Amino acid sequence: MARMSTGRKSTIYDIAKETGASTATVSMVLNGSWARYRIKEETANRILESARALGYNVNMKARGLRLSRSGLAGMVLPHYRNRFFAGLAQSFEDQARSRGLCPIVVGTQRDPEVEVSVVETLLSQRVELLFIAGVRNPTPLNALCAAAGVPSINLDLPGEAAPSVVSDNRHGARAITNLMMDKLEARGIPPSELVLLGGVANEYATDMRVAGFRDAFEARGLELAEDAVDRCGYNAGAARDALAARYQKLGRLPAGLLMNSITAFEGLVQLTSTLPTSDSKSAVVGCFDWDPFAVHLAFDVTMLRQDVQKIIAEAFTSTDNYDAPDRHLVMVPTRFGDMFDENEQTTEFDR
């Protein structure tokens, strides 16, 4: 240990007295384990500054935590099984690297316990920021980040404890609903036969998409049928079973089908693969998600695309201008039609 100006060696007790922290807290900061125990960065910095001022020989690991950046950027998301979340992950990695950061992306399978565990681990590794994507209740994770002094941004599903960047679900749903209604009318079919399947009740994305669906009906002076909206979940099997029940009842597919997600759309593909081609071609189909392979399907399909690159860019902008009390919400417009994506090298078709 170094000596104080009096000639006596400085100790952790001197640092604790100087900073008003407990000796246990001082010890954890000086041995470099403070982040793991959720000690605030402000407290750690104060202790390290005091230790240097008192001439205490600060552990090099602890000094590194104070004097240099970790260079790590973290992101949690439910899974990589569809192009939306996979696209978010890819855009995050690309944009993080362009900023000189090393990206870490972890899937949590929508398990709240796993979400908390992963966030705690990422914080212990000193990530400089954390993007929380597709988490239905991100507030506990935002709180962990706030306690560690790490900016967090919610993506896809918003939260009340941090800034959020989401797709403009309501306007997107209204736009694709209107387009599908036009297609039905062109075939001589009443637009009121359009149904929306997929998603879950009391979830932001589903609620906004249902609201946009209703908006389109109301704008045309049409009433929704009682069974026009079926929140059958995001599971492909659940969507397949819900559609199979309608097929049995009608003797055909509904004339217009708007699927709430690409996983619900997979359920439709599973069902139609078992049906005569003529039955499949009879439906006008839309999806609030995008996959380029849909162009090869037998039926008419329009896919709405969420702008993952813009979502990630807006999230990084939010971290650049981060203010802990800020809770702003950014809504990113969706698109559909003939789109070319430089990263995908694939053309999106609206057939």
Foldseek 3Di string as FASTA:
>chain_A
DDAAPVRHRDDLVNLCVVLVHDSVCLVCLQVQQNQLVLAEPVSSLSSVVSCVVRVHPGDPNSVCLNPHALLEEEEEDADCPDPQVVVLVVLLCVVSVVVSGHYDYYHQNQDVVSVVVVLSVVSSSRHQEYEYEPHQECVVSLVSCVSHVHAYEYEQFAYQQHAYEHAQLQQLLLVVLLVLCVVCVVVVHHSLLAAEEEADPPGVNVVSNVNSNVVNCVVVVHDHDPRRYYHQYLALCSLLVVQVVVCVVVVAGGQEYEYEAVNSVSNVVVNVVPPPLVRQQNHAYEYADDDQVVVVDSYQYKYKYTDSNVRSVVVVVCVVVPDSVDHHYHHHYIDTAFDADPVVRGTHHRD
